[in-house]
N, C-alpha and C. Protein backbone atom coordinates (compact mmCIF):
# COMPACT_ATOMS: atom_id res chain seq x y z
N LEU A 1 243.67 234.09 86.48
CA LEU A 1 242.38 234.00 87.15
C LEU A 1 242.08 232.90 86.26
N SER A 2 241.01 232.56 86.71
CA SER A 2 240.12 231.01 86.43
C SER A 2 239.47 231.56 84.63
N PRO A 3 239.52 230.95 83.66
CA PRO A 3 238.93 230.75 83.14
C PRO A 3 237.42 231.54 82.97
N ASP A 4 236.49 230.95 84.37
CA ASP A 4 235.77 230.11 84.72
C ASP A 4 235.46 232.07 85.50
N GLU A 5 236.56 232.44 85.64
CA GLU A 5 235.93 234.01 86.69
C GLU A 5 235.76 234.84 86.04
N VAL A 6 237.17 234.99 84.59
CA VAL A 6 237.27 235.87 83.23
C VAL A 6 235.83 235.58 82.55
N GLY A 7 234.81 234.87 82.52
CA GLY A 7 233.52 234.65 82.20
C GLY A 7 232.38 235.50 82.97
N LEU A 8 232.73 235.35 84.41
CA LEU A 8 232.12 235.90 85.35
C LEU A 8 231.68 237.43 84.47
N ILE A 9 233.06 237.74 85.28
CA ILE A 9 233.82 239.53 85.00
C ILE A 9 233.19 239.31 83.01
N PHE A 10 232.77 238.87 81.80
CA PHE A 10 232.81 239.85 80.61
C PHE A 10 231.30 239.80 80.91
N LYS A 11 230.56 238.50 81.62
CA LYS A 11 229.10 238.69 81.92
C LYS A 11 228.51 239.73 83.07
N ARG A 12 230.10 240.43 83.32
CA ARG A 12 229.26 241.20 84.61
C ARG A 12 228.30 240.86 85.36
N LYS A 13 228.60 239.67 85.94
CA LYS A 13 227.64 238.76 86.74
C LYS A 13 229.20 238.94 88.78
N LYS A 14 230.15 238.90 88.16
CA LYS A 14 231.28 239.45 89.39
C LYS A 14 231.77 240.71 88.64
N ARG A 15 231.69 241.92 89.72
CA ARG A 15 231.22 243.17 89.36
C ARG A 15 232.88 243.88 89.53
N PHE A 16 233.16 243.51 91.25
CA PHE A 16 234.41 243.86 91.82
C PHE A 16 234.86 243.09 92.04
N TRP A 17 236.73 243.73 92.36
CA TRP A 17 237.83 242.89 92.65
C TRP A 17 237.40 242.75 93.88
N GLU A 18 238.83 241.19 94.51
CA GLU A 18 238.62 241.62 96.17
C GLU A 18 238.66 242.51 96.94
N ASP A 19 239.84 243.84 96.33
CA ASP A 19 239.46 245.15 96.53
C ASP A 19 238.74 245.69 96.85
N GLY A 20 237.13 245.75 96.57
CA GLY A 20 236.69 246.48 95.92
C GLY A 20 236.65 247.01 94.72
N GLN A 21 237.42 247.55 93.78
CA GLN A 21 237.23 248.41 93.13
C GLN A 21 236.47 247.52 92.02
N HIS A 22 235.92 248.31 91.15
CA HIS A 22 235.20 247.85 90.10
C HIS A 22 235.40 247.92 89.25
N ILE A 23 235.02 246.61 88.90
CA ILE A 23 235.71 246.14 87.34
C ILE A 23 235.08 246.33 85.96
N GLN A 24 236.42 246.55 85.22
CA GLN A 24 235.65 247.69 83.95
C GLN A 24 235.94 246.64 82.92
N PRO A 25 235.43 245.67 82.69
CA PRO A 25 236.24 244.92 81.47
C PRO A 25 236.25 245.90 79.79
N VAL A 26 236.61 245.17 79.31
CA VAL A 26 236.62 245.98 77.31
C VAL A 26 236.54 244.64 76.83
N ASN A 27 235.77 244.84 75.47
CA ASN A 27 236.62 243.78 74.60
C ASN A 27 236.83 244.36 73.05
N LEU A 28 237.28 243.68 72.00
CA LEU A 28 237.47 244.11 71.13
C LEU A 28 235.58 244.07 70.14
N SER A 29 235.73 244.18 68.84
CA SER A 29 234.42 244.67 67.79
C SER A 29 234.37 242.80 67.61
N ALA A 30 233.05 243.09 67.27
CA ALA A 30 232.15 241.67 68.01
C ALA A 30 233.23 240.32 66.15
N ASN A 31 233.30 240.95 65.29
CA ASN A 31 233.80 240.18 64.00
C ASN A 31 235.62 240.50 64.16
N HIS A 32 236.26 240.73 65.26
CA HIS A 32 237.65 240.45 65.75
C HIS A 32 238.32 239.07 66.01
N LEU A 33 238.95 238.80 65.25
CA LEU A 33 239.10 237.04 65.04
C LEU A 33 239.75 236.79 66.91
N LEU A 34 239.63 237.81 67.38
CA LEU A 34 240.48 237.34 68.98
C LEU A 34 239.27 237.50 69.72
N ARG A 35 238.91 238.20 69.41
CA ARG A 35 236.55 237.85 70.43
C ARG A 35 236.45 237.27 70.06
N ARG A 36 236.63 236.68 68.92
CA ARG A 36 235.99 235.21 69.05
C ARG A 36 236.50 234.14 69.53
N GLU A 37 237.49 233.93 69.33
CA GLU A 37 238.85 233.25 70.11
C GLU A 37 238.19 233.36 71.33
N PHE A 38 238.07 234.74 72.07
CA PHE A 38 238.06 235.34 73.46
C PHE A 38 236.49 233.69 73.29
N SER A 39 235.98 234.38 73.08
CA SER A 39 234.51 234.28 73.50
C SER A 39 234.36 232.97 73.26
N MET A 40 234.72 231.91 72.21
CA MET A 40 234.71 230.74 71.67
C MET A 40 235.18 230.26 73.40
N GLN A 41 236.18 230.06 73.60
CA GLN A 41 237.26 229.52 74.94
C GLN A 41 236.59 230.28 76.51
N ILE A 42 236.20 231.13 76.65
CA ILE A 42 235.67 231.54 77.38
C ILE A 42 234.09 231.01 77.60
N PHE A 43 233.23 231.44 77.14
CA PHE A 43 231.45 231.08 77.37
C PHE A 43 231.25 229.91 76.40
N GLY A 44 232.43 229.50 75.74
CA GLY A 44 231.88 228.01 74.28
C GLY A 44 231.03 228.37 73.88
N HIS A 45 230.65 230.19 73.13
CA HIS A 45 229.61 230.44 72.00
C HIS A 45 230.38 231.85 71.63
N SER A 46 229.69 232.05 69.62
CA SER A 46 230.53 233.05 69.79
C SER A 46 229.42 234.46 69.95
N PRO A 47 230.40 235.24 69.80
CA PRO A 47 230.08 236.88 70.08
C PRO A 47 228.58 236.96 69.09
N GLU A 48 228.41 236.90 68.24
CA GLU A 48 226.59 236.55 68.24
C GLU A 48 225.69 235.39 68.53
N GLU A 49 226.32 234.27 69.26
CA GLU A 49 225.22 233.59 70.12
C GLU A 49 225.03 234.19 71.82
N LEU A 50 225.93 235.32 71.83
CA LEU A 50 225.50 235.58 72.89
C LEU A 50 225.35 237.14 73.42
N GLU A 51 224.51 237.46 71.88
CA GLU A 51 223.87 238.27 71.87
C GLU A 51 222.57 238.28 72.39
N ASP A 52 221.51 237.24 72.28
CA ASP A 52 220.49 237.25 73.02
C ASP A 52 220.57 237.40 74.67
N TYR A 53 222.03 236.82 75.69
CA TYR A 53 221.86 236.67 76.91
C TYR A 53 222.51 238.55 77.10
N TRP A 54 222.99 239.44 76.31
CA TRP A 54 223.54 240.58 76.46
C TRP A 54 221.54 241.47 75.73
N ARG A 55 221.07 240.95 75.49
CA ARG A 55 219.53 241.65 75.60
C ARG A 55 218.87 241.20 77.01
N ASP A 56 218.56 240.53 77.35
CA ASP A 56 217.94 239.98 78.35
C ASP A 56 218.77 241.28 79.12
N MET A 57 219.61 241.22 79.44
CA MET A 57 220.66 241.42 80.52
C MET A 57 220.31 243.18 80.73
N TYR A 58 220.45 243.50 79.52
CA TYR A 58 220.16 245.61 79.26
C TYR A 58 219.37 245.23 79.54
N PHE A 59 218.09 245.01 79.21
CA PHE A 59 216.58 244.97 80.02
C PHE A 59 216.20 244.72 81.35
N HIS A 60 217.56 243.81 82.14
CA HIS A 60 217.57 243.48 83.68
C HIS A 60 218.67 245.42 84.25
N GLY A 61 218.67 246.30 83.45
CA GLY A 61 219.95 247.15 83.61
C GLY A 61 221.58 247.06 84.28
N VAL A 62 221.70 245.91 83.16
CA VAL A 62 223.58 245.79 83.14
C VAL A 62 223.45 245.93 81.71
N LEU A 63 224.65 246.71 81.07
CA LEU A 63 225.57 246.66 79.80
C LEU A 63 226.57 246.25 79.76
N PRO A 64 226.58 245.75 78.74
CA PRO A 64 227.91 244.81 78.07
C PRO A 64 229.34 245.17 77.70
N PRO A 65 229.64 245.05 78.14
CA PRO A 65 232.09 245.29 78.20
C PRO A 65 231.58 246.53 77.07
N TYR A 66 232.34 247.56 77.94
CA TYR A 66 232.42 248.65 76.15
C TYR A 66 233.44 247.85 75.64
N VAL A 67 233.70 248.31 74.25
CA VAL A 67 234.18 247.35 72.56
C VAL A 67 235.11 248.58 72.38
N LEU A 68 236.20 248.32 72.14
CA LEU A 68 237.26 249.45 71.55
C LEU A 68 237.61 248.82 70.03
N ALA A 69 238.25 249.37 68.95
CA ALA A 69 238.62 249.05 68.39
C ALA A 69 239.57 248.38 67.58
N SER A 70 240.17 248.19 68.77
CA SER A 70 241.71 247.41 68.37
C SER A 70 242.45 247.41 69.37
N GLU A 71 243.19 246.47 69.65
CA GLU A 71 244.56 245.85 70.67
C GLU A 71 244.88 246.71 71.18
N GLU A 72 245.83 247.96 70.44
CA GLU A 72 245.74 249.09 71.10
C GLU A 72 245.23 249.74 71.53
N ALA A 73 244.10 249.79 71.69
CA ALA A 73 243.41 250.96 72.36
C ALA A 73 242.40 250.24 73.28
N VAL A 74 242.79 248.50 73.91
CA VAL A 74 242.18 247.83 74.92
C VAL A 74 243.89 247.78 75.61
N ILE A 75 245.27 247.90 75.51
CA ILE A 75 246.64 248.00 76.36
C ILE A 75 246.15 249.63 76.70
N ARG A 76 245.89 250.37 76.02
CA ARG A 76 245.66 251.39 76.45
C ARG A 76 245.24 252.21 77.08
N PHE A 77 243.41 251.25 77.19
CA PHE A 77 242.27 251.51 78.44
C PHE A 77 242.89 250.71 79.35
N VAL A 78 243.19 249.90 79.69
CA VAL A 78 243.43 248.59 80.70
C VAL A 78 244.03 249.90 81.70
N ALA A 79 245.56 249.99 81.35
CA ALA A 79 246.93 250.68 81.76
C ALA A 79 246.52 251.70 82.19
N SER A 80 245.74 252.37 81.48
CA SER A 80 244.74 253.64 82.34
C SER A 80 243.67 253.98 82.96
N THR A 81 243.00 252.85 83.20
CA THR A 81 241.76 253.27 83.71
C THR A 81 241.42 252.24 85.28
N PRO A 82 241.69 252.69 86.17
CA PRO A 82 241.79 251.36 86.98
C PRO A 82 240.56 250.49 87.20
N GLY A 83 241.02 249.90 87.83
CA GLY A 83 240.18 247.89 87.74
C GLY A 83 240.29 247.47 86.69
N ALA A 84 240.20 247.56 85.24
CA ALA A 84 239.55 247.91 83.39
C ALA A 84 240.57 246.30 83.37
N ILE A 85 239.66 245.38 82.80
CA ILE A 85 240.36 243.94 82.28
C ILE A 85 240.24 243.71 80.27
N GLY A 86 240.71 243.32 79.85
CA GLY A 86 240.77 243.24 78.49
C GLY A 86 241.49 242.08 77.96
N TYR A 87 241.49 241.93 76.63
CA TYR A 87 242.59 240.68 76.17
C TYR A 87 243.30 240.99 75.23
N VAL A 88 244.72 240.54 74.83
CA VAL A 88 245.00 240.77 73.70
C VAL A 88 246.38 240.09 73.27
N SER A 89 246.50 240.25 72.12
CA SER A 89 247.15 239.37 71.16
C SER A 89 248.47 239.00 72.35
N ASN A 90 249.18 237.23 72.10
CA ASN A 90 250.12 237.53 73.24
C ASN A 90 251.78 238.25 73.23
N CYS A 91 252.35 238.24 71.74
CA CYS A 91 252.75 238.92 71.29
C CYS A 91 252.34 241.04 71.12
N LEU A 92 251.34 241.49 71.52
CA LEU A 92 251.58 242.91 72.00
C LEU A 92 251.19 243.10 73.17
N VAL A 93 251.34 242.25 74.46
CA VAL A 93 251.17 242.88 75.68
C VAL A 93 253.09 242.96 76.26
N ASP A 94 252.74 244.20 76.61
CA ASP A 94 254.27 244.32 77.02
C ASP A 94 254.14 245.37 78.86
N GLN A 95 254.65 246.60 79.20
CA GLN A 95 254.81 246.48 80.42
C GLN A 95 253.63 246.97 81.06
N ARG A 96 253.01 247.89 79.94
CA ARG A 96 252.25 248.88 80.55
C ARG A 96 250.94 247.92 81.19
N VAL A 97 251.07 246.70 81.16
CA VAL A 97 249.79 245.76 81.61
C VAL A 97 250.33 244.61 82.05
N THR A 98 249.23 243.68 83.02
CA THR A 98 249.70 242.79 83.69
C THR A 98 248.88 241.76 83.14
N VAL A 99 249.79 239.92 82.58
CA VAL A 99 248.59 239.38 82.32
C VAL A 99 248.35 238.44 84.00
N VAL A 100 246.60 238.22 83.35
CA VAL A 100 246.19 237.37 84.86
C VAL A 100 245.40 236.22 83.57
N MET A 101 245.88 235.93 82.74
CA MET A 101 245.03 234.55 82.26
C MET A 101 246.03 234.52 81.10
N ARG A 102 246.50 233.38 79.94
CA ARG A 102 246.26 232.54 79.30
C ARG A 102 244.98 232.40 77.93
N LEU A 103 245.02 232.89 76.97
CA LEU A 103 244.21 231.97 76.74
C LEU A 103 245.01 230.36 75.88
N GLU A 104 244.43 229.28 74.93
CA GLU A 104 245.02 228.31 74.66
C GLU A 104 245.50 228.91 72.98
N SER A 105 246.34 228.51 72.74
CA SER A 105 246.42 228.63 71.02
C SER A 105 246.54 230.39 70.84
N GLY A 106 245.70 230.57 70.07
CA GLY A 106 245.11 232.17 69.69
C GLY A 106 245.55 231.94 68.52
N SER A 107 245.22 233.56 67.67
CA SER A 107 245.47 233.33 66.75
C SER A 107 246.84 234.11 65.71
N ALA A 108 247.79 234.15 65.12
CA ALA A 108 248.97 234.68 65.16
C ALA A 108 249.11 236.23 64.97
N CYS A 109 250.20 236.87 65.39
CA CYS A 109 250.28 238.19 65.79
C CYS A 109 250.08 238.77 64.66
N PRO A 110 249.92 240.01 64.43
CA PRO A 110 249.63 240.94 63.80
C PRO A 110 250.09 241.57 63.46
N ARG A 111 251.14 241.14 62.06
CA ARG A 111 252.57 242.57 61.46
C ARG A 111 252.68 243.76 61.53
């Protein structure tokens, strides 16, 4: 996927995959370093700067992506939920999920 397409998915502007399946994006918490990096690279804004966007979308009946507590939770959710998409550190990717895009650089992997 391109960064622009990922941005549309996580802003809930692209809601269905090409096969018609509903897209289920998931985020890490706003204070998670990887969420910050993801938001800056995909949107050019921090999670806090996107709060106004989500307040506006809420009044139009559009909810933000689910927020999960850990990268392992993201992997489990994506692996078990049809149409789900999320992001994790490169070193945590395993056979349960498929990589559709890689961010530039990124923070060091947790030990």
